[in-house]
Amino acid sequence: MKKYKIFAINPGSTSTKIALFENDKVIFSKNVSHDAEKLKEFKEISDQFPYRKETILNELAKVGLSLKDVDAFSGRGGGTVSLEGGVYEVNETMLDDTRSGKYVKHPANLGSQLADEFAKEYGGKAVVVNPPDVDEFQDLARVTGLRGVYRQSKIHALNQKEIGIRYGKSIKKSYEGLNLIIAHIGGGVSVTAHKKGNMIDSNDIVNGDGPMAPTRAGQVPATNLIKICFSGQYTEEELYKIITKEGGLVNQLGTSDAREVTKRIEDGDTYAKLVYDAMIYQIGKAIGSYSAALHGKVDAIIFTGGISNDKYLVEKLSEMVEYIAPIIVMPGEFEMEALASGAYRVLSGQEEAKIYTGRPVWEGF
């Protein structure tokens, strides 16, 4: 079997995760920290590009690694129009969209830009794998009770897809032949119905939908939220932060660390138990609803994400939903491995890279 070298790049708010793979084996991995004060000097996300590139190359130089013989550079992706899942070649249309930030402004936009720069400089392919913009929703999942307001596909797409593929391989079946419910349980919670390789429905982890999470409020009664909006207590910016970054466990218990919450429960904190059990209960309800979206034909329910390491959560959640399908626990997140495996599938001819057109997969009814 031919060995390919793949360099994975995953930019975050104040760091960039990098990893060098030989096929699916990690040769080197590092979470490269960036100076938060330095990042503040850049007006736009794309302006950080030279600084992040230099920092990455300096870290590689420290351990004597070169990118000269890399076959593919695989970026996190982001900042594009909605698209179907898969591996995409980085092209000028994609770069124009991610540099402009016209669809979203997030450090992940730099993933494609860095992959492209390294590929041009050192050779090899530049790709992105299942970016956050993946949208495979069925039309029924988009409609709400308000005309012109539609549910959006905002999911942990990279890890969700990788988990589905890995589980399929573990039972010698194709991901495209399975019906799965995958619950990514981390700082955010996305519960998704996977039907024959497509994520047909999920909760929106960006705009306030689905179960509460450690840092997100999740779905709250609309009229109550309207009253809060017009109470004069908060600015628009403050409310966005409460819903998307300081809701859920942070708002209720002052922490996003599930380990701290379970320790409080062990020490007899009854309110911590009520809130944590409520989060678990809401995740279980979401799993039940997506089993209905799959007409009850579910091959497995998979728990992933960092909090899936918590035995308390796994036990309580399993009790709720194990009647639906077998429970599989694949804790943690596999984003770097997903970036590498996507690139490897293209390099080895198992999958054909897609072309980014700049046209969204869905533009309304």
Protein backbone atom coordinates (compact mmCIF):
# COMPACT_ATOMS: atom_id res chain seq x y z
CA MET A 1 0.00 0.00 0.00
CA LYS A 2 1.42 3.35 -1.05
CA LYS A 3 2.17 5.71 1.79
CA TYR A 4 0.96 9.30 1.52
CA LYS A 5 1.97 12.21 3.71
CA ILE A 6 -0.90 14.51 4.67
CA PHE A 7 -0.69 17.76 6.62
CA ALA A 8 -3.90 18.69 8.45
CA ILE A 9 -4.65 22.29 9.46
CA ASN A 10 -7.45 23.27 11.84
CA PRO A 11 -7.49 26.99 12.76
CA GLY A 12 -9.32 28.00 15.94
CA SER A 13 -9.91 31.26 17.78
CA THR A 14 -6.51 31.53 19.48
CA SER A 15 -4.67 28.46 18.17
CA THR A 16 -4.18 26.34 15.09
CA LYS A 17 -4.10 22.57 15.41
CA ILE A 18 -1.67 20.96 12.99
CA ALA A 19 -0.81 17.31 12.40
CA LEU A 20 1.34 15.40 9.94
CA PHE A 21 0.03 11.98 8.95
CA GLU A 22 1.39 9.05 6.99
CA ASN A 23 -1.87 7.65 5.65
CA ASP A 24 -3.89 7.38 8.89
CA LYS A 25 -0.93 7.31 11.28
CA VAL A 26 0.02 10.50 13.13
CA ILE A 27 3.69 11.41 12.78
CA PHE A 28 3.50 14.78 14.50
CA SER A 29 0.73 16.71 16.22
CA LYS A 30 0.71 20.14 17.85
CA ASN A 31 -1.80 22.70 19.03
CA VAL A 32 -0.01 25.89 18.02
CA SER A 33 -0.94 28.77 20.34
CA HIS A 34 -1.21 32.30 19.01
CA ASP A 35 -0.69 35.50 20.97
CA ALA A 36 -4.21 36.76 21.71
CA GLU A 37 -3.00 40.37 21.82
CA LYS A 38 -1.28 39.94 18.47
CA LEU A 39 -4.47 38.57 16.91
CA LYS A 40 -6.35 41.67 18.07
CA GLU A 41 -4.11 43.77 15.82
CA PHE A 42 -5.69 42.25 12.71
CA LYS A 43 -8.86 43.95 11.50
CA GLU A 44 -10.17 40.95 9.53
CA ILE A 45 -9.76 37.19 10.04
CA SER A 46 -7.94 36.83 6.71
CA ASP A 47 -5.42 39.45 7.83
CA GLN A 48 -4.14 36.87 10.35
CA PHE A 49 -2.96 34.63 7.51
CA PRO A 50 0.76 35.62 7.33
CA TYR A 51 1.11 35.53 11.11
CA ARG A 52 -0.50 32.10 11.45
CA LYS A 53 1.55 30.71 8.56
CA GLU A 54 4.79 31.94 10.09
CA THR A 55 3.90 30.55 13.50
CA ILE A 56 3.10 27.12 12.02
CA LEU A 57 6.36 26.98 10.05
CA ASN A 58 8.33 28.00 13.15
CA GLU A 59 6.79 25.15 15.15
CA LEU A 60 7.68 22.66 12.41
CA ALA A 61 11.24 24.01 12.24
CA LYS A 62 11.64 23.45 16.00
CA VAL A 63 11.18 19.70 15.50
CA GLY A 64 13.04 19.52 12.19
CA LEU A 65 10.02 18.83 9.98
CA SER A 66 9.63 20.02 6.40
CA LEU A 67 6.53 20.12 4.21
CA LYS A 68 8.44 19.44 0.98
CA ASP A 69 7.31 15.84 0.50
CA VAL A 70 3.67 16.29 1.61
CA ASP A 71 1.11 14.84 -0.84
CA ALA A 72 -1.92 16.77 0.41
CA PHE A 73 -2.70 19.72 2.65
CA SER A 74 -6.10 19.31 4.27
CA GLY A 75 -7.74 22.38 5.80
CA ARG A 76 -10.65 22.67 8.22
CA GLY A 77 -12.71 24.71 5.76
CA GLY A 78 -15.45 27.21 6.44
CA GLY A 79 -16.74 30.50 5.12
CA THR A 80 -18.36 29.05 2.01
CA VAL A 81 -21.90 28.71 0.71
CA SER A 82 -23.89 25.67 1.77
CA LEU A 83 -22.62 22.52 0.07
CA GLU A 84 -23.04 18.75 0.11
CA GLY A 85 -20.70 16.66 2.21
CA GLY A 86 -17.37 15.42 0.90
CA VAL A 87 -13.83 16.45 0.07
CA TYR A 88 -13.38 19.62 -1.98
CA GLU A 89 -10.42 20.86 -3.96
CA VAL A 90 -9.44 24.35 -2.93
CA ASN A 91 -9.98 26.67 -5.89
CA GLU A 92 -10.08 30.42 -6.49
CA THR A 93 -13.85 30.59 -6.05
CA MET A 94 -13.53 29.07 -2.59
CA LEU A 95 -10.61 31.34 -1.70
CA ASP A 96 -12.53 34.44 -2.81
CA ASP A 97 -15.44 33.50 -0.54
CA THR A 98 -13.33 32.60 2.50
CA ARG A 99 -11.11 35.68 2.21
CA SER A 100 -14.06 38.02 1.92
CA GLY A 101 -15.85 36.64 4.97
CA LYS A 102 -19.14 37.47 3.28
CA TYR A 103 -20.83 34.29 4.48
CA VAL A 104 -19.23 33.93 7.89
CA LYS A 105 -16.23 35.39 9.68
CA HIS A 106 -14.47 32.62 11.58
CA PRO A 107 -10.85 31.46 11.94
CA ALA A 108 -11.86 28.22 10.16
CA ASN A 109 -11.96 30.31 6.96
CA LEU A 110 -8.16 30.29 7.10
CA GLY A 111 -8.04 26.49 6.71
CA SER A 112 -8.48 26.54 2.94
CA GLN A 113 -6.20 29.57 2.57
CA LEU A 114 -3.34 27.95 4.47
CA ALA A 115 -3.77 24.62 2.66
CA ASP A 116 -3.66 26.42 -0.69
CA GLU A 117 -0.58 28.46 0.24
CA PHE A 118 1.37 25.42 1.43
CA ALA A 119 0.36 23.37 -1.64
CA LYS A 120 1.56 26.12 -3.99
CA GLU A 121 4.80 26.48 -2.07
CA TYR A 122 5.65 22.83 -1.47
CA GLY A 123 3.58 20.89 -4.03
CA GLY A 124 0.71 18.48 -3.40
CA LYS A 125 -3.06 18.89 -3.35
CA ALA A 126 -5.02 21.41 -1.29
CA VAL A 127 -8.39 20.20 0.00
CA VAL A 128 -11.01 20.84 2.65
CA VAL A 129 -13.08 18.05 4.21
CA ASN A 130 -16.73 18.28 5.30
CA PRO A 131 -16.58 21.96 6.32
CA PRO A 132 -19.10 23.51 8.75
CA ASP A 133 -21.15 24.65 5.74
CA VAL A 134 -22.24 21.11 4.79
CA ASP A 135 -26.01 21.06 4.18
CA GLU A 136 -27.77 17.81 3.34
CA PHE A 137 -31.11 18.60 4.98
CA GLN A 138 -34.30 17.21 3.54
CA ASP A 139 -36.74 20.01 2.70
CA LEU A 140 -39.16 18.95 5.44
CA ALA A 141 -36.49 19.73 8.02
CA ARG A 142 -36.11 23.34 6.84
CA VAL A 143 -39.68 24.61 7.26
CA THR A 144 -40.76 26.51 10.38
CA GLY A 145 -44.05 28.14 11.38
CA LEU A 146 -42.81 31.52 10.15
CA ARG A 147 -42.69 32.23 6.43
CA GLY A 148 -39.18 33.19 5.39
CA VAL A 149 -37.58 31.75 8.54
CA TYR A 150 -35.95 28.40 7.85
CA ARG A 151 -33.97 25.92 9.90
CA GLN A 152 -30.32 25.77 8.88
CA SER A 153 -27.77 23.00 8.82
CA LYS A 154 -25.21 24.07 11.41
CA ILE A 155 -23.67 20.87 12.73
CA HIS A 156 -20.33 19.40 13.86
CA ALA A 157 -20.17 18.07 10.30
CA LEU A 158 -16.49 17.06 10.19
CA ASN A 159 -16.59 14.90 13.32
CA GLN A 160 -20.12 13.60 12.67
CA LYS A 161 -19.24 12.34 9.18
CA GLU A 162 -15.96 10.83 10.36
CA ILE A 163 -17.74 8.98 13.18
CA GLY A 164 -20.29 7.58 10.71
CA ILE A 165 -17.54 6.40 8.35
CA ARG A 166 -15.49 4.87 11.18
CA TYR A 167 -18.48 3.05 12.62
CA GLY A 168 -19.36 1.65 9.21
CA LYS A 169 -15.83 0.31 8.77
CA SER A 170 -15.93 -1.25 12.24
CA ILE A 171 -18.89 -3.42 11.25
CA LYS A 172 -17.67 -3.90 7.64
CA LYS A 173 -20.50 -1.84 6.18
CA SER A 174 -20.63 1.34 4.18
CA TYR A 175 -21.61 4.59 5.91
CA GLU A 176 -23.79 5.21 2.86
CA GLY A 177 -25.74 2.05 3.65
CA LEU A 178 -26.58 2.89 7.27
CA ASN A 179 -29.17 4.90 9.18
CA LEU A 180 -27.54 6.44 12.24
CA ILE A 181 -28.29 8.95 14.96
CA ILE A 182 -25.05 10.62 16.04
CA ALA A 183 -24.96 12.84 19.11
CA HIS A 184 -21.87 15.04 19.33
CA ILE A 185 -21.77 16.09 22.99
CA GLY A 186 -19.13 18.70 23.75
CA GLY A 187 -19.11 22.46 24.33
CA GLY A 188 -21.94 22.43 21.81
CA VAL A 189 -24.37 19.57 21.23
CA SER A 190 -25.51 18.46 17.77
CA VAL A 191 -27.84 15.49 17.38
CA THR A 192 -28.16 14.39 13.77
CA ALA A 193 -30.12 11.92 11.68
CA HIS A 194 -27.83 10.30 9.10
CA LYS A 195 -29.78 8.55 6.35
CA LYS A 196 -27.71 6.50 3.90
CA GLY A 197 -24.75 8.89 4.07
CA ASN A 198 -26.68 12.18 4.28
CA MET A 199 -27.32 14.32 7.36
CA ILE A 200 -31.02 14.89 6.71
CA ASP A 201 -31.92 16.69 9.95
CA SER A 202 -30.21 18.10 13.04
CA ASN A 203 -30.40 20.88 15.58
CA ASP A 204 -28.78 24.21 14.70
CA ILE A 205 -25.84 24.67 17.08
CA VAL A 206 -25.20 28.26 15.94
CA ASN A 207 -28.60 29.95 15.96
CA GLY A 208 -30.11 28.51 19.15
CA ASP A 209 -31.88 25.19 18.63
CA GLY A 210 -32.10 21.77 20.22
CA PRO A 211 -30.75 20.67 23.60
CA MET A 212 -28.97 23.01 25.97
CA ALA A 213 -25.22 22.50 26.00
CA PRO A 214 -22.34 23.46 28.30
CA THR A 215 -22.02 26.87 26.58
CA ARG A 216 -25.30 27.24 24.64
CA ALA A 217 -28.85 27.89 25.72
CA GLY A 218 -30.44 25.64 23.11
CA GLN A 219 -34.14 25.94 22.37
CA VAL A 220 -36.05 28.27 24.70
CA PRO A 221 -39.73 29.34 24.58
CA ALA A 222 -39.97 32.03 21.89
CA THR A 223 -42.35 34.41 23.70
CA ASN A 224 -40.22 34.35 26.84
CA LEU A 225 -37.18 35.16 24.74
CA ILE A 226 -39.04 38.08 23.13
CA LYS A 227 -39.78 39.50 26.57
CA ILE A 228 -36.12 39.27 27.52
CA CYS A 229 -35.12 40.97 24.25
CA PHE A 230 -37.38 43.95 24.97
CA SER A 231 -36.73 44.12 28.70
CA GLY A 232 -33.97 46.67 28.28
CA GLN A 233 -31.64 44.57 30.43
CA TYR A 234 -29.41 43.43 27.58
CA THR A 235 -27.95 44.74 24.34
CA GLU A 236 -28.31 42.70 21.15
CA GLU A 237 -24.65 41.70 21.38
CA GLU A 238 -25.04 40.58 25.00
CA LEU A 239 -28.04 38.41 24.12
CA TYR A 240 -26.20 36.75 21.25
CA LYS A 241 -23.39 35.93 23.66
CA ILE A 242 -25.81 34.49 26.23
CA ILE A 243 -27.51 32.28 23.64
CA THR A 244 -24.37 31.04 21.86
CA LYS A 245 -21.46 31.25 24.32
CA GLU A 246 -22.69 31.80 27.86
CA GLY A 247 -25.90 29.79 27.99
CA GLY A 248 -26.57 26.24 29.16
CA LEU A 249 -24.38 24.98 32.00
CA VAL A 250 -22.40 28.25 32.07
CA ASN A 251 -25.56 30.27 32.65
CA GLN A 252 -27.10 27.84 35.10
CA LEU A 253 -24.07 26.66 37.04
CA GLY A 254 -21.23 29.04 36.20
CA THR A 255 -19.09 26.41 34.48
CA SER A 256 -18.89 24.62 31.14
CA ASP A 257 -16.79 21.79 32.58
CA ALA A 258 -18.93 18.65 32.84
CA ARG A 259 -16.32 17.09 35.11
CA GLU A 260 -16.84 19.88 37.63
CA VAL A 261 -20.61 19.44 37.40
CA THR A 262 -20.45 15.69 38.03
CA LYS A 263 -18.12 16.33 40.99
CA ARG A 264 -20.72 18.74 42.41
CA ILE A 265 -23.38 16.07 41.96
CA GLU A 266 -21.21 13.54 43.81
CA ASP A 267 -20.84 16.09 46.61
CA GLY A 268 -24.62 16.40 46.94
CA ASP A 269 -25.40 19.52 44.87
CA THR A 270 -29.05 18.83 43.99
CA TYR A 271 -29.46 21.82 41.66
CA ALA A 272 -26.38 20.84 39.65
CA LYS A 273 -27.92 17.38 39.30
CA LEU A 274 -31.24 18.85 38.15
CA VAL A 275 -29.60 21.01 35.45
CA TYR A 276 -27.22 18.31 34.21
CA ASP A 277 -30.01 15.73 34.16
CA ALA A 278 -32.14 18.23 32.22
CA MET A 279 -29.40 18.59 29.58
CA ILE A 280 -29.18 14.82 29.28
CA TYR A 281 -32.98 14.60 29.10
CA GLN A 282 -33.07 17.15 26.28
CA ILE A 283 -30.42 15.24 24.33
CA GLY A 284 -32.45 12.07 24.77
CA LYS A 285 -35.61 13.81 23.50
CA ALA A 286 -33.68 15.00 20.44
CA ILE A 287 -32.47 11.47 19.73
CA GLY A 288 -36.06 10.25 19.95
CA SER A 289 -37.25 12.91 17.51
CA TYR A 290 -34.58 12.02 14.97
CA SER A 291 -35.48 8.35 15.22
CA ALA A 292 -38.92 9.47 14.03
CA ALA A 293 -37.25 11.38 11.17
CA LEU A 294 -35.71 8.04 10.17
CA HIS A 295 -39.12 6.31 10.49
CA GLY A 296 -37.74 4.19 13.33
CA LYS A 297 -35.22 2.49 11.04
CA VAL A 298 -32.06 3.15 13.04
CA ASP A 299 -28.99 0.90 12.84
CA ALA A 300 -27.18 2.51 15.78
CA ILE A 301 -27.09 5.52 18.09
CA ILE A 302 -23.58 6.89 18.53
CA PHE A 303 -22.37 9.18 21.33
CA THR A 304 -19.26 11.21 20.50
CA GLY A 305 -17.61 14.45 21.61
CA GLY A 306 -15.64 15.10 24.78
CA ILE A 307 -18.49 14.72 27.28
CA SER A 308 -19.21 11.23 25.95
CA ASN A 309 -16.32 10.22 28.21
CA ASP A 310 -18.61 10.89 31.19
CA LYS A 311 -20.00 7.58 32.47
CA TYR A 312 -22.83 9.33 34.31
CA LEU A 313 -24.11 10.95 31.11
CA VAL A 314 -23.66 7.81 29.03
CA GLU A 315 -25.58 5.68 31.52
CA LYS A 316 -28.47 8.14 31.96
CA LEU A 317 -28.76 8.82 28.23
CA SER A 318 -28.55 5.15 27.32
CA GLU A 319 -31.42 4.36 29.69
CA MET A 320 -33.58 6.83 27.76
CA VAL A 321 -32.87 5.73 24.20
CA GLU A 322 -31.48 2.19 24.15
CA TYR A 323 -34.92 0.89 23.15
CA ILE A 324 -34.46 2.56 19.75
CA ALA A 325 -31.20 0.98 18.59
CA PRO A 326 -27.83 -0.29 19.89
CA ILE A 327 -25.76 2.34 21.70
CA ILE A 328 -22.18 2.90 20.51
CA VAL A 329 -19.83 5.19 22.44
CA MET A 330 -16.98 6.81 20.46
CA PRO A 331 -15.85 9.58 22.83
CA GLY A 332 -13.71 12.55 21.93
CA GLU A 333 -13.44 14.33 18.61
CA PHE A 334 -11.66 13.11 15.50
CA GLU A 335 -11.38 16.29 13.48
CA MET A 336 -7.67 16.02 12.66
CA GLU A 337 -8.05 12.35 11.77
CA ALA A 338 -11.08 13.28 9.64
CA LEU A 339 -9.06 15.86 7.72
CA ALA A 340 -6.36 13.30 7.05
CA SER A 341 -8.68 10.42 6.15
CA GLY A 342 -10.65 12.59 3.72
CA ALA A 343 -7.48 13.62 1.91
CA TYR A 344 -6.27 10.00 1.94
CA ARG A 345 -9.49 8.76 0.32
CA VAL A 346 -8.90 11.20 -2.53
CA LEU A 347 -5.19 10.43 -2.91
CA SER A 348 -5.83 6.66 -2.91
CA GLY A 349 -8.67 6.88 -5.44
CA GLN A 350 -11.40 5.78 -3.04
CA GLU A 351 -13.23 9.09 -3.41
CA GLU A 352 -13.25 11.81 -6.03
CA ALA A 353 -12.69 15.36 -4.87
CA LYS A 354 -15.58 17.72 -5.55
CA ILE A 355 -15.41 21.10 -7.21
CA TYR A 356 -16.59 24.14 -5.25
CA THR A 357 -18.89 26.23 -7.46
CA GLY A 358 -19.90 29.02 -5.10
CA ARG A 359 -23.56 28.13 -5.62
CA PRO A 360 -25.44 27.07 -2.47
CA VAL A 361 -27.16 23.68 -2.41
CA TRP A 362 -30.38 25.34 -1.22
CA GLU A 363 -31.57 28.89 -1.90
CA GLY A 364 -35.11 28.84 -0.54
CA PHE A 365 -38.49 27.57 -1.69
